[in-house]
Amino acid sequence: MPAMRFIMNAGRSTKQGRQINVGKDTADYEELVTTLIMHPDDMAELGASTGTAVRVRSESGEGRFVCKEHGGKDGKVPRGMIFIAYGPPTCRLMGQTTDGTGMPLSKGWEVEVEAIGEST
């Protein structure tokens, strides 16, 4: 399947807030920051299902993530948009310009997503 373009929003999740007490060197944290939440119709069009590895590219870099269908405690993501919790993989996608805020833009990025692996 060819790559598709999406609007990406990164942010903190409730689970990520609780995880800070456990630390960032755990498998749970790694799973949290490498999971991409996507609308099920977009996943089908991309040729992906829950567990499929995907590559996300921005103007600044790229990262590898695992797809997960939106819903339940993960919230809902509209068609054409993806959500990923902040972490080292999303930092690779961010630009270096902060416009004086101290943090690069993290909402509304235009990214390219392509399925690169089988479902796990």
PDB file of N, CA and C in Angstrom:
ATOM      1  N   MET A   1       0.831  -1.183   0.000  1.00  0.00           N
ATOM      2  CA  MET A   1       0.000   0.000   0.000  1.00  0.00           C
ATOM      3  C   MET A   1       0.880   1.252   0.000  1.00  0.00           C
ATOM      4  N   PRO A   2       0.448   2.257  -0.709  1.00  0.00           N
ATOM      5  CA  PRO A   2       1.206   3.511  -0.698  1.00  0.00           C
ATOM      6  C   PRO A   2       1.002   4.275   0.612  1.00  0.00           C
ATOM      7  N   ALA A   3       1.906   5.207   0.878  1.00  0.00           N
ATOM      8  CA  ALA A   3       1.800   6.050   2.070  1.00  0.00           C
ATOM      9  C   ALA A   3       0.618   7.001   1.926  1.00  0.00           C
ATOM     10  N   MET A   4       0.068   7.405   3.060  1.00  0.00           N
ATOM     11  CA  MET A   4      -1.051   8.359   3.092  1.00  0.00           C
ATOM     12  C   MET A   4      -0.669   9.535   3.979  1.00  0.00           C
ATOM     13  N   ARG A   5      -1.265  10.698   3.704  1.00  0.00           N
ATOM     14  CA  ARG A   5      -1.008  11.905   4.485  1.00  0.00           C
ATOM     15  C   ARG A   5      -2.078  12.080   5.575  1.00  0.00           C
ATOM     16  N   PHE A   6      -1.626  12.498   6.752  1.00  0.00           N
ATOM     17  CA  PHE A   6      -2.506  12.717   7.894  1.00  0.00           C
ATOM     18  C   PHE A   6      -2.076  13.976   8.639  1.00  0.00           C
ATOM     19  N   ILE A   7      -2.964  14.473   9.468  1.00  0.00           N
ATOM     20  CA  ILE A   7      -2.617  15.515  10.433  1.00  0.00           C
ATOM     21  C   ILE A   7      -2.322  14.802  11.747  1.00  0.00           C
ATOM     22  N   MET A   8      -1.144  15.064  12.302  1.00  0.00           N
ATOM     23  CA  MET A   8      -0.730  14.396  13.530  1.00  0.00           C
ATOM     24  C   MET A   8      -0.789  15.361  14.707  1.00  0.00           C
ATOM     25  N   ASN A   9      -1.353  14.896  15.782  1.00  0.00           N
ATOM     26  CA  ASN A   9      -1.345  15.614  17.049  1.00  0.00           C
ATOM     27  C   ASN A   9      -0.664  14.740  18.080  1.00  0.00           C
ATOM     28  N   ALA A  10       0.311  15.294  18.760  1.00  0.00           N
ATOM     29  CA  ALA A  10       0.978  14.585  19.850  1.00  0.00           C
ATOM     30  C   ALA A  10       0.555  15.241  21.156  1.00  0.00           C
ATOM     31  N   GLY A  11       0.534  14.476  22.219  1.00  0.00           N
ATOM     32  CA  GLY A  11       0.153  15.027  23.514  1.00  0.00           C
ATOM     33  C   GLY A  11       0.393  14.017  24.614  1.00  0.00           C
ATOM     34  N   ARG A  12       0.098  14.414  25.802  1.00  0.00           N
ATOM     35  CA  ARG A  12       0.217  13.527  26.952  1.00  0.00           C
ATOM     36  C   ARG A  12      -1.100  12.790  27.151  1.00  0.00           C
ATOM     37  N   SER A  13      -0.996  11.538  27.511  1.00  0.00           N
ATOM     38  CA  SER A  13      -2.183  10.744  27.811  1.00  0.00           C
ATOM     39  C   SER A  13      -2.289  10.574  29.324  1.00  0.00           C
ATOM     40  N   THR A  14      -3.460  10.202  29.792  1.00  0.00           N
ATOM     41  CA  THR A  14      -3.661   9.949  31.218  1.00  0.00           C
ATOM     42  C   THR A  14      -2.726   8.846  31.690  1.00  0.00           C
ATOM     43  N   LYS A  15      -2.625   7.787  30.902  1.00  0.00           N
ATOM     44  CA  LYS A  15      -1.740   6.675  31.270  1.00  0.00           C
ATOM     45  C   LYS A  15      -0.290   7.154  31.356  1.00  0.00           C
ATOM     46  N   GLN A  16       0.090   8.041  30.459  1.00  0.00           N
ATOM     47  CA  GLN A  16       1.450   8.564  30.484  1.00  0.00           C
ATOM     48  C   GLN A  16       1.694   9.359  31.773  1.00  0.00           C
ATOM     49  N   GLY A  17       0.686  10.092  32.225  1.00  0.00           N
ATOM     50  CA  GLY A  17       0.806  10.836  33.477  1.00  0.00           C
ATOM     51  C   GLY A  17       1.029   9.918  34.663  1.00  0.00           C
ATOM     52  N   ARG A  18       0.328   8.800  34.697  1.00  0.00           N
ATOM     53  CA  ARG A  18       0.515   7.819  35.778  1.00  0.00           C
ATOM     54  C   ARG A  18       1.860   7.117  35.650  1.00  0.00           C
ATOM     55  N   GLN A  19       2.314   6.911  34.429  1.00  0.00           N
ATOM     56  CA  GLN A  19       3.551   6.179  34.156  1.00  0.00           C
ATOM     57  C   GLN A  19       4.783   6.910  34.694  1.00  0.00           C
ATOM     58  N   ILE A  20       4.713   8.230  34.828  1.00  0.00           N
ATOM     59  CA  ILE A  20       5.864   9.007  35.277  1.00  0.00           C
ATOM     60  C   ILE A  20       6.368   8.536  36.646  1.00  0.00           C
ATOM     61  N   ASN A  21       5.461   7.993  37.466  1.00  0.00           N
ATOM     62  CA  ASN A  21       5.871   7.474  38.777  1.00  0.00           C
ATOM     63  C   ASN A  21       6.639   6.164  38.669  1.00  0.00           C
ATOM     64  N   VAL A  22       6.460   5.455  37.581  1.00  0.00           N
ATOM     65  CA  VAL A  22       7.137   4.178  37.365  1.00  0.00           C
ATOM     66  C   VAL A  22       8.479   4.393  36.680  1.00  0.00           C
ATOM     67  N   GLY A  23       8.536   5.355  35.769  1.00  0.00           N
ATOM     68  CA  GLY A  23       9.765   5.648  35.047  1.00  0.00           C
ATOM     69  C   GLY A  23       9.627   5.410  33.556  1.00  0.00           C
ATOM     70  N   LYS A  24      10.610   5.897  32.850  1.00  0.00           N
ATOM     71  CA  LYS A  24      10.588   5.829  31.388  1.00  0.00           C
ATOM     72  C   LYS A  24      11.424   4.683  30.834  1.00  0.00           C
ATOM     73  N   ASP A  25      11.979   3.855  31.695  1.00  0.00           N
ATOM     74  CA  ASP A  25      12.813   2.741  31.246  1.00  0.00           C
ATOM     75  C   ASP A  25      12.079   1.410  31.323  1.00  0.00           C
ATOM     76  N   THR A  26      10.774   1.439  31.090  1.00  0.00           N
ATOM     77  CA  THR A  26       9.982   0.217  31.184  1.00  0.00           C
ATOM     78  C   THR A  26       9.364  -0.128  29.828  1.00  0.00           C
ATOM     79  N   ALA A  27       9.001  -1.371  29.683  1.00  0.00           N
ATOM     80  CA  ALA A  27       8.331  -1.811  28.451  1.00  0.00           C
ATOM     81  C   ALA A  27       6.981  -1.110  28.286  1.00  0.00           C
ATOM     82  N   ASP A  28       6.281  -0.850  29.392  1.00  0.00           N
ATOM     83  CA  ASP A  28       4.993  -0.156  29.314  1.00  0.00           C
ATOM     84  C   ASP A  28       5.149   1.242  28.733  1.00  0.00           C
ATOM     85  N   TYR A  29       6.180   1.964  29.180  1.00  0.00           N
ATOM     86  CA  TYR A  29       6.415   3.319  28.649  1.00  0.00           C
ATOM     87  C   TYR A  29       6.761   3.244  27.165  1.00  0.00           C
ATOM     88  N   GLU A  30       7.631   2.324  26.800  1.00  0.00           N
ATOM     89  CA  GLU A  30       8.028   2.174  25.392  1.00  0.00           C
ATOM     90  C   GLU A  30       6.810   1.893  24.518  1.00  0.00           C
ATOM     91  N   GLU A  31       5.930   1.011  24.984  1.00  0.00           N
ATOM     92  CA  GLU A  31       4.715   0.716  24.226  1.00  0.00           C
ATOM     93  C   GLU A  31       3.830   1.955  24.101  1.00  0.00           C
ATOM     94  N   LEU A  32       3.721   2.694  25.170  1.00  0.00           N
ATOM     95  CA  LEU A  32       2.885   3.891  25.181  1.00  0.00           C
ATOM     96  C   LEU A  32       3.346   4.919  24.149  1.00  0.00           C
ATOM     97  N   VAL A  33       4.646   5.199  24.079  1.00  0.00           N
ATOM     98  CA  VAL A  33       5.143   6.254  23.189  1.00  0.00           C
ATOM     99  C   VAL A  33       5.407   5.778  21.763  1.00  0.00           C
ATOM    100  N   THR A  34       5.197   4.491  21.494  1.00  0.00           N
ATOM    101  CA  THR A  34       5.357   3.987  20.128  1.00  0.00           C
ATOM    102  C   THR A  34       4.040   3.483  19.539  1.00  0.00           C
ATOM    103  N   THR A  35       2.921   3.830  20.185  1.00  0.00           N
ATOM    104  CA  THR A  35       1.596   3.439  19.694  1.00  0.00           C
ATOM    105  C   THR A  35       0.949   4.626  19.001  1.00  0.00           C
ATOM    106  N   LEU A  36       0.486   4.413  17.792  1.00  0.00           N
ATOM    107  CA  LEU A  36      -0.183   5.428  16.986  1.00  0.00           C
ATOM    108  C   LEU A  36      -1.675   5.108  16.976  1.00  0.00           C
ATOM    109  N   ILE A  37      -2.500   6.059  17.408  1.00  0.00           N
ATOM    110  CA  ILE A  37      -3.947   5.864  17.449  1.00  0.00           C
ATOM    111  C   ILE A  37      -4.542   6.445  16.167  1.00  0.00           C
ATOM    112  N   MET A  38      -5.391   5.639  15.488  1.00  0.00           N
ATOM    113  CA  MET A  38      -5.916   6.019  14.184  1.00  0.00           C
ATOM    114  C   MET A  38      -7.369   5.570  14.041  1.00  0.00           C
ATOM    115  N   HIS A  39      -8.124   6.296  13.248  1.00  0.00           N
ATOM    116  CA  HIS A  39      -9.515   5.929  12.939  1.00  0.00           C
ATOM    117  C   HIS A  39      -9.518   4.597  12.176  1.00  0.00           C
ATOM    118  N   PRO A  40     -10.451   3.695  12.482  1.00  0.00           N
ATOM    119  CA  PRO A  40     -10.476   2.385  11.822  1.00  0.00           C
ATOM    120  C   PRO A  40     -10.645   2.457  10.301  1.00  0.00           C
ATOM    121  N   ASP A  41     -11.394   3.428   9.793  1.00  0.00           N
ATOM    122  CA  ASP A  41     -11.541   3.549   8.333  1.00  0.00           C
ATOM    123  C   ASP A  41     -10.222   3.948   7.677  1.00  0.00           C
ATOM    124  N   ASP A  42      -9.457   4.827   8.340  1.00  0.00           N
ATOM    125  CA  ASP A  42      -8.133   5.199   7.817  1.00  0.00           C
ATOM    126  C   ASP A  42      -7.182   4.006   7.850  1.00  0.00           C
ATOM    127  N   MET A  43      -7.281   3.211   8.919  1.00  0.00           N
ATOM    128  CA  MET A  43      -6.433   2.023   9.008  1.00  0.00           C
ATOM    129  C   MET A  43      -6.725   1.074   7.844  1.00  0.00           C
ATOM    130  N   ALA A  44      -7.994   0.859   7.559  1.00  0.00           N
ATOM    131  CA  ALA A  44      -8.371  -0.038   6.461  1.00  0.00           C
ATOM    132  C   ALA A  44      -7.847   0.489   5.129  1.00  0.00           C
ATOM    133  N   GLU A  45      -7.988   1.788   4.909  1.00  0.00           N
ATOM    134  CA  GLU A  45      -7.513   2.388   3.659  1.00  0.00           C
ATOM    135  C   GLU A  45      -5.993   2.290   3.543  1.00  0.00           C
ATOM    136  N   LEU A  46      -5.293   2.382   4.675  1.00  0.00           N
ATOM    137  CA  LEU A  46      -3.841   2.272   4.692  1.00  0.00           C
ATOM    138  C   LEU A  46      -3.378   0.825   4.526  1.00  0.00           C
ATOM    139  N   GLY A  47      -4.287  -0.120   4.753  1.00  0.00           N
ATOM    140  CA  GLY A  47      -3.923  -1.534   4.695  1.00  0.00           C
ATOM    141  C   GLY A  47      -3.325  -2.007   6.009  1.00  0.00           C
ATOM    142  N   ALA A  48      -3.745  -1.378   7.097  1.00  0.00           N
ATOM    143  CA  ALA A  48      -3.203  -1.699   8.418  1.00  0.00           C
ATOM    144  C   ALA A  48      -4.314  -2.187   9.332  1.00  0.00           C
ATOM    145  N   SER A  49      -3.921  -2.896  10.359  1.00  0.00           N
ATOM    146  CA  SER A  49      -4.844  -3.308  11.415  1.00  0.00           C
ATOM    147  C   SER A  49      -4.122  -3.100  12.739  1.00  0.00           C
ATOM    148  N   THR A  50      -4.815  -3.308  13.842  1.00  0.00           N
ATOM    149  CA  THR A  50      -4.174  -3.150  15.141  1.00  0.00           C
ATOM    150  C   THR A  50      -2.954  -4.065  15.212  1.00  0.00           C
ATOM    151  N   GLY A  51      -1.819  -3.477  15.555  1.00  0.00           N
ATOM    152  CA  GLY A  51      -0.569  -4.229  15.640  1.00  0.00           C
ATOM    153  C   GLY A  51       0.339  -4.061  14.431  1.00  0.00           C
ATOM    154  N   THR A  52      -0.142  -3.442  13.359  1.00  0.00           N
ATOM    155  CA  THR A  52       0.688  -3.242  12.172  1.00  0.00           C
ATOM    156  C   THR A  52       1.737  -2.169  12.440  1.00  0.00           C
ATOM    157  N   ALA A  53       2.977  -2.443  12.058  1.00  0.00           N
ATOM    158  CA  ALA A  53       4.048  -1.448  12.170  1.00  0.00           C
ATOM    159  C   ALA A  53       3.892  -0.430  11.049  1.00  0.00           C
ATOM    160  N   VAL A  54       4.075   0.844  11.397  1.00  0.00           N
ATOM    161  CA  VAL A  54       3.986   1.920  10.415  1.00  0.00           C
ATOM    162  C   VAL A  54       5.178   2.856  10.566  1.00  0.00           C
ATOM    163  N   ARG A  55       5.541   3.502   9.468  1.00  0.00           N
ATOM    164  CA  ARG A  55       6.568   4.539   9.479  1.00  0.00           C
ATOM    165  C   ARG A  55       5.855   5.868   9.320  1.00  0.00           C
ATOM    166  N   VAL A  56       6.194   6.833  10.176  1.00  0.00           N
ATOM    167  CA  VAL A  56       5.641   8.176  10.097  1.00  0.00           C
ATOM    168  C   VAL A  56       6.784   9.111   9.725  1.00  0.00           C
ATOM    169  N   ARG A  57       6.569   9.922   8.680  1.00  0.00           N
ATOM    170  CA  ARG A  57       7.588  10.882   8.237  1.00  0.00           C
ATOM    171  C   ARG A  57       7.026  12.296   8.307  1.00  0.00           C
ATOM    172  N   SER A  58       7.871  13.200   8.793  1.00  0.00           N
ATOM    173  CA  SER A  58       7.556  14.627   8.770  1.00  0.00           C
ATOM    174  C   SER A  58       8.688  15.320   8.020  1.00  0.00           C
ATOM    175  N   GLU A  59       8.620  16.632   7.909  1.00  0.00           N
ATOM    176  CA  GLU A  59       9.712  17.375   7.283  1.00  0.00           C
ATOM    177  C   GLU A  59      11.002  17.257   8.087  1.00  0.00           C
ATOM    178  N   SER A  60      10.883  16.961   9.377  1.00  0.00           N
ATOM    179  CA  SER A  60      12.044  16.950  10.260  1.00  0.00           C
ATOM    180  C   SER A  60      12.655  15.581  10.501  1.00  0.00           C
ATOM    181  N   GLY A  61      11.911  14.508  10.266  1.00  0.00           N
ATOM    182  CA  GLY A  61      12.448  13.184  10.540  1.00  0.00           C
ATOM    183  C   GLY A  61      11.395  12.108  10.398  1.00  0.00           C
ATOM    184  N   GLU A  62      11.698  10.952  10.948  1.00  0.00           N
ATOM    185  CA  GLU A  62      10.754   9.835  10.872  1.00  0.00           C
ATOM    186  C   GLU A  62      10.853   8.973  12.118  1.00  0.00           C
ATOM    187  N   GLY A  63       9.812   8.193  12.337  1.00  0.00           N
ATOM    188  CA  GLY A  63       9.774   7.275  13.467  1.00  0.00           C
ATOM    189  C   GLY A  63       8.933   6.068  13.117  1.00  0.00           C
ATOM    190  N   ARG A  64       9.115   5.012  13.885  1.00  0.00           N
ATOM    191  CA  ARG A  64       8.371   3.770  13.686  1.00  0.00           C
ATOM    192  C   ARG A  64       7.404   3.602  14.860  1.00  0.00           C
ATOM    193  N   PHE A  65       6.177   3.227  14.536  1.00  0.00           N
ATOM    194  CA  PHE A  65       5.121   3.107  15.530  1.00  0.00           C
ATOM    195  C   PHE A  65       4.296   1.854  15.236  1.00  0.00           C
ATOM    196  N   VAL A  66       3.396   1.523  16.154  1.00  0.00           N
ATOM    197  CA  VAL A  66       2.476   0.403  15.982  1.00  0.00           C
ATOM    198  C   VAL A  66       1.060   0.967  15.994  1.00  0.00           C
ATOM    199  N   CYS A  67       0.265   0.602  14.987  1.00  0.00           N
ATOM    200  CA  CYS A  67      -1.113   1.089  14.854  1.00  0.00           C
ATOM    201  C   CYS A  67      -2.032   0.492  15.901  1.00  0.00           C
ATOM    202  N   LYS A  68      -2.964   1.330  16.329  1.00  0.00           N
ATOM    203  CA  LYS A  68      -4.027   0.876  17.218  1.00  0.00           C
ATOM    204  C   LYS A  68      -5.287   1.636  16.838  1.00  0.00           C
ATOM    205  N   GLU A  69      -6.386   0.911  16.759  1.00  0.00           N
ATOM    206  CA  GLU A  69      -7.671   1.532  16.429  1.00  0.00           C
ATOM    207  C   GLU A  69      -8.140   2.391  17.587  1.00  0.00           C
ATOM    208  N   HIS A  70      -8.696   3.540  17.263  1.00  0.00           N
ATOM    209  CA  HIS A  70      -9.181   4.434  18.325  1.00  0.00           C
ATOM    210  C   HIS A  70     -10.387   3.830  19.021  1.00  0.00           C
ATOM    211  N   GLY A  71     -10.704   4.416  20.157  1.00  0.00           N
ATOM    212  CA  GLY A  71     -11.889   3.988  20.884  1.00  0.00           C
ATOM    213  C   GLY A  71     -11.578   3.630  22.320  1.00  0.00           C
ATOM    214  N   GLY A  72     -12.625   3.454  23.083  1.00  0.00           N
ATOM    215  CA  GLY A  72     -12.473   3.091  24.490  1.00  0.00           C
ATOM    216  C   GLY A  72     -11.698   4.128  25.257  1.00  0.00           C
ATOM    217  N   LYS A  73     -10.818   3.679  26.144  1.00  0.00           N
ATOM    218  CA  LYS A  73     -10.055   4.592  26.988  1.00  0.00           C
ATOM    219  C   LYS A  73      -9.025   5.399  26.204  1.00  0.00           C
ATOM    220  N   ASP A  74      -8.723   4.995  24.962  1.00  0.00           N
ATOM    221  CA  ASP A  74      -7.760   5.728  24.140  1.00  0.00           C
ATOM    222  C   ASP A  74      -8.389   6.931  23.454  1.00  0.00           C
ATOM    223  N   GLY A  75      -9.691   7.095  23.588  1.00  0.00           N
ATOM    224  CA  GLY A  75     -10.361   8.224  22.955  1.00  0.00           C
ATOM    225  C   GLY A  75     -10.623   7.965  21.481  1.00  0.00           C
ATOM    226  N   LYS A  76     -11.240   8.927  20.854  1.00  0.00           N
ATOM    227  CA  LYS A  76     -11.567   8.796  19.444  1.00  0.00           C
ATOM    228  C   LYS A  76     -10.773   9.800  18.644  1.00  0.00           C
ATOM    229  N   VAL A  77     -10.316   9.364  17.501  1.00  0.00           N
ATOM    230  CA  VAL A  77      -9.555  10.202  16.593  1.00  0.00           C
ATOM    231  C   VAL A  77     -10.356  10.295  15.297  1.00  0.00           C
ATOM    232  N   PRO A  78     -10.620  11.515  14.808  1.00  0.00           N
ATOM    233  CA  PRO A  78     -11.391  11.635  13.567  1.00  0.00           C
ATOM    234  C   PRO A  78     -10.603  11.156  12.350  1.00  0.00           C
ATOM    235  N   ARG A  79     -11.314  10.869  11.286  1.00  0.00           N
ATOM    236  CA  ARG A  79     -10.656  10.486  10.029  1.00  0.00           C
ATOM    237  C   ARG A  79      -9.688  11.573   9.615  1.00  0.00           C
ATOM    238  N   GLY A  80      -8.555  11.143   9.086  1.00  0.00           N
ATOM    239  CA  GLY A  80      -7.555  12.078   8.587  1.00  0.00           C
ATOM    240  C   GLY A  80      -6.588  12.572   9.641  1.00  0.00           C
ATOM    241  N   MET A  81      -6.749  12.110  10.883  1.00  0.00           N
ATOM    242  CA  MET A  81      -5.890  12.556  11.980  1.00  0.00           C
ATOM    243  C   MET A  81      -5.323  11.342  12.705  1.00  0.00           C
ATOM    244  N   ILE A  82      -4.133  11.497  13.270  1.00  0.00           N
ATOM    245  CA  ILE A  82      -3.540  10.463  14.118  1.00  0.00           C
ATOM    246  C   ILE A  82      -3.108  11.101  15.438  1.00  0.00           C
ATOM    247  N   PHE A  83      -3.000  10.281  16.480  1.00  0.00           N
ATOM    248  CA  PHE A  83      -2.519  10.739  17.782  1.00  0.00           C
ATOM    249  C   PHE A  83      -1.414   9.813  18.253  1.00  0.00           C
ATOM    250  N   ILE A  84      -0.345  10.415  18.797  1.00  0.00           N
ATOM    251  CA  ILE A  84       0.747   9.665  19.410  1.00  0.00           C
ATOM    252  C   ILE A  84       1.128  10.385  20.698  1.00  0.00           C
ATOM    253  N   ALA A  85       1.344   9.635  21.771  1.00  0.00           N
ATOM    254  CA  ALA A  85       1.790  10.234  23.033  1.00  0.00           C
ATOM    255  C   ALA A  85       3.212  10.763  22.872  1.00  0.00           C
ATOM    256  N   TYR A  86       3.489  11.906  23.518  1.00  0.00           N
ATOM    257  CA  TYR A  86       4.842  12.467  23.495  1.00  0.00           C
ATOM    258  C   TYR A  86       5.860  11.449  23.961  1.00  0.00           C
ATOM    259  N   GLY A  87       7.031  11.474  23.354  1.00  0.00           N
ATOM    260  CA  GLY A  87       8.136  10.616  23.753  1.00  0.00           C
ATOM    261  C   GLY A  87       9.268  10.759  22.765  1.00  0.00           C
ATOM    262  N   PRO A  88      10.347  10.011  22.962  1.00  0.00           N
ATOM    263  CA  PRO A  88      11.486  10.106  22.051  1.00  0.00           C
ATOM    264  C   PRO A  88      11.117   9.912  20.571  1.00  0.00           C
ATOM    265  N   PRO A  89      10.222   8.979  20.218  1.00  0.00           N
ATOM    266  CA  PRO A  89       9.889   8.839  18.795  1.00  0.00           C
ATOM    267  C   PRO A  89       9.216  10.084  18.199  1.00  0.00           C
ATOM    268  N   THR A  90       8.337  10.759  18.961  1.00  0.00           N
ATOM    269  CA  THR A  90       7.705  11.967  18.407  1.00  0.00           C
ATOM    270  C   THR A  90       8.706  13.107  18.340  1.00  0.00           C
ATOM    271  N   CYS A  91       9.701  13.115  19.231  1.00  0.00           N
ATOM    272  CA  CYS A  91      10.727  14.161  19.179  1.00  0.00           C
ATOM    273  C   CYS A  91      11.491  14.119  17.861  1.00  0.00           C
ATOM    274  N   ARG A  92      11.637  12.940  17.278  1.00  0.00           N
ATOM    275  CA  ARG A  92      12.325  12.812  15.985  1.00  0.00           C
ATOM    276  C   ARG A  92      11.517  13.459  14.856  1.00  0.00           C
ATOM    277  N   LEU A  93      10.224  13.608  15.077  1.00  0.00           N
ATOM    278  CA  LEU A  93       9.351  14.189  14.060  1.00  0.00           C
ATOM    279  C   LEU A  93       9.234  15.704  14.186  1.00  0.00           C
ATOM    280  N   MET A  94       9.526  16.240  15.370  1.00  0.00           N
ATOM    281  CA  MET A  94       9.377  17.668  15.621  1.00  0.00           C
ATOM    282  C   MET A  94      10.510  18.458  14.987  1.00  0.00           C
ATOM    283  N   GLY A  95      10.199  19.669  14.577  1.00  0.00           N
ATOM    284  CA  GLY A  95      11.224  20.593  14.112  1.00  0.00           C
ATOM    285  C   GLY A  95      11.997  21.143  15.300  1.00  0.00           C
ATOM    286  N   GLN A  96      13.003  21.927  15.029  1.00  0.00           N
ATOM    287  CA  GLN A  96      13.838  22.482  16.086  1.00  0.00           C
ATOM    288  C   GLN A  96      13.429  23.900  16.476  1.00  0.00           C
ATOM    289  N   THR A  97      12.534  24.516  15.726  1.00  0.00           N
ATOM    290  CA  THR A  97      12.129  25.890  16.001  1.00  0.00           C
ATOM    291  C   THR A  97      11.056  25.927  17.076  1.00  0.00           C
ATOM    292  N   THR A  98      11.250  26.780  18.078  1.00  0.00           N
ATOM    293  CA  THR A  98      10.272  26.891  19.160  1.00  0.00           C
ATOM    294  C   THR A  98       9.524  28.222  19.152  1.00  0.00           C
ATOM    295  N   ASP A  99       9.915  29.136  18.291  1.00  0.00           N
ATOM    296  CA  ASP A  99       9.298  30.466  18.237  1.00  0.00           C
ATOM    297  C   ASP A  99       9.251  31.120  19.616  1.00  0.00           C
ATOM    298  N   GLY A 100      10.288  30.886  20.414  1.00  0.00           N
ATOM    299  CA  GLY A 100      10.411  31.512  21.717  1.00  0.00           C
ATOM    300  C   GLY A 100       9.613  30.856  22.832  1.00  0.00           C
ATOM    301  N   THR A 101       8.941  29.733  22.570  1.00  0.00           N
ATOM    302  CA  THR A 101       8.121  29.092  23.588  1.00  0.00           C
ATOM    303  C   THR A 101       8.884  28.050  24.398  1.00  0.00           C
ATOM    304  N   GLY A 102      10.011  27.588  23.891  1.00  0.00           N
ATOM    305  CA  GLY A 102      10.778  26.554  24.569  1.00  0.00           C
ATOM    306  C   GLY A 102      10.406  25.143  24.149  1.00  0.00           C
ATOM    307  N   MET A 103       9.354  24.998  23.328  1.00  0.00           N
ATOM    308  CA  MET A 103       8.946  23.671  22.852  1.00  0.00           C
ATOM    309  C   MET A 103       8.518  23.767  21.391  1.00  0.00           C
ATOM    310  N   PRO A 104       8.999  22.852  20.560  1.00  0.00           N
ATOM    311  CA  PRO A 104       8.592  22.863  19.154  1.00  0.00           C
ATOM    312  C   PRO A 104       7.086  22.631  18.999  1.00  0.00           C
ATOM    313  N   LEU A 105       6.559  23.061  17.880  1.00  0.00           N
ATOM    314  CA  LEU A 105       5.155  22.846  17.549  1.00  0.00           C
ATOM    315  C   LEU A 105       4.838  21.352  17.625  1.00  0.00           C
ATOM    316  N   SER A 106       3.752  20.996  18.301  1.00  0.00           N
ATOM    317  CA  SER A 106       3.425  19.576  18.465  1.00  0.00           C
ATOM    318  C   SER A 106       2.006  19.240  18.033  1.00  0.00           C
ATOM    319  N   LYS A 107       1.315  20.164  17.468  1.00  0.00           N
ATOM    320  CA  LYS A 107      -0.067  19.917  17.029  1.00  0.00           C
ATOM    321  C   LYS A 107      -0.208  20.307  15.560  1.00  0.00           C
ATOM    322  N   GLY A 108      -1.002  19.532  14.859  1.00  0.00           N
ATOM    323  CA  GLY A 108      -1.337  19.863  13.482  1.00  0.00           C
ATOM    324  C   GLY A 108      -0.233  19.655  12.468  1.00  0.00           C
ATOM    325  N   TRP A 109       0.685  18.728  12.732  1.00  0.00           N
ATOM    326  CA  TRP A 109       1.739  18.442  11.759  1.00  0.00           C
ATOM    327  C   TRP A 109       1.145  17.681  10.588  1.00  0.00           C
ATOM    328  N   GLU A 110       1.601  17.962   9.403  1.00  0.00           N
ATOM    329  CA  GLU A 110       1.239  17.140   8.260  1.00  0.00           C
ATOM    330  C   GLU A 110       2.320  16.079   8.135  1.00  0.00           C
ATOM    331  N   VAL A 111       1.899  14.808   8.193  1.00  0.00           N
ATOM    332  CA  VAL A 111       2.843  13.697   8.139  1.00  0.00           C
ATOM    333  C   VAL A 111       2.396  12.677   7.108  1.00  0.00           C
ATOM    334  N   GLU A 112       3.322  11.843   6.736  1.00  0.00           N
ATOM    335  CA  GLU A 112       3.059  10.731   5.820  1.00  0.00           C
ATOM    336  C   GLU A 112       3.171   9.448   6.616  1.00  0.00           C
ATOM    337  N   VAL A 113       2.197   8.564   6.470  1.00  0.00           N
ATOM    338  CA  VAL A 113       2.188   7.294   7.196  1.00  0.00           C
ATOM    339  C   VAL A 113       2.154   6.161   6.181  1.00  0.00           C
ATOM    340  N   GLU A 114       3.013   5.168   6.379  1.00  0.00           N
ATOM    341  CA  GLU A 114       2.982   3.991   5.515  1.00  0.00           C
ATOM    342  C   GLU A 114       3.111   2.736   6.346  1.00  0.00           C
ATOM    343  N   ALA A 115       2.314   1.726   5.995  1.00  0.00           N
ATOM    344  CA  ALA A 115       2.391   0.437   6.672  1.00  0.00           C
ATOM    345  C   ALA A 115       3.687  -0.244   6.238  1.00  0.00           C
ATOM    346  N   ILE A 116       4.449  -0.756   7.207  1.00  0.00           N
ATOM    347  CA  ILE A 116       5.739  -1.383   6.867  1.00  0.00           C
ATOM    348  C   ILE A 116       5.889  -2.789   7.416  1.00  0.00           C
ATOM    349  N   GLY A 117       4.880  -3.265   8.158  1.00  0.00           N
ATOM    350  CA  GLY A 117       5.023  -4.594   8.742  1.00  0.00           C
ATOM    351  C   GLY A 117       3.703  -5.278   8.952  1.00  0.00           C
ATOM    352  N   GLU A 118       3.816  -6.546   9.248  1.00  0.00           N
ATOM    353  CA  GLU A 118       2.632  -7.367   9.514  1.00  0.00           C
ATOM    354  C   GLU A 118       2.082  -7.070  10.894  1.00  0.00           C
ATOM    355  N   SER A 119       0.837  -7.413  11.088  1.00  0.00           N
ATOM    356  CA  SER A 119       0.225  -7.284  12.412  1.00  0.00           C
ATOM    357  C   SER A 119       0.926  -8.211  13.375  1.00  0.00           C
ATOM    358  N   THR A 120       1.011  -7.767  14.640  1.00  0.00           N
ATOM    359  CA  THR A 120       1.649  -8.601  15.675  1.00  0.00           C
ATOM    360  C   THR A 120       0.613  -9.380  16.427  1.00  0.00           C
TER     361      THR A 120
END
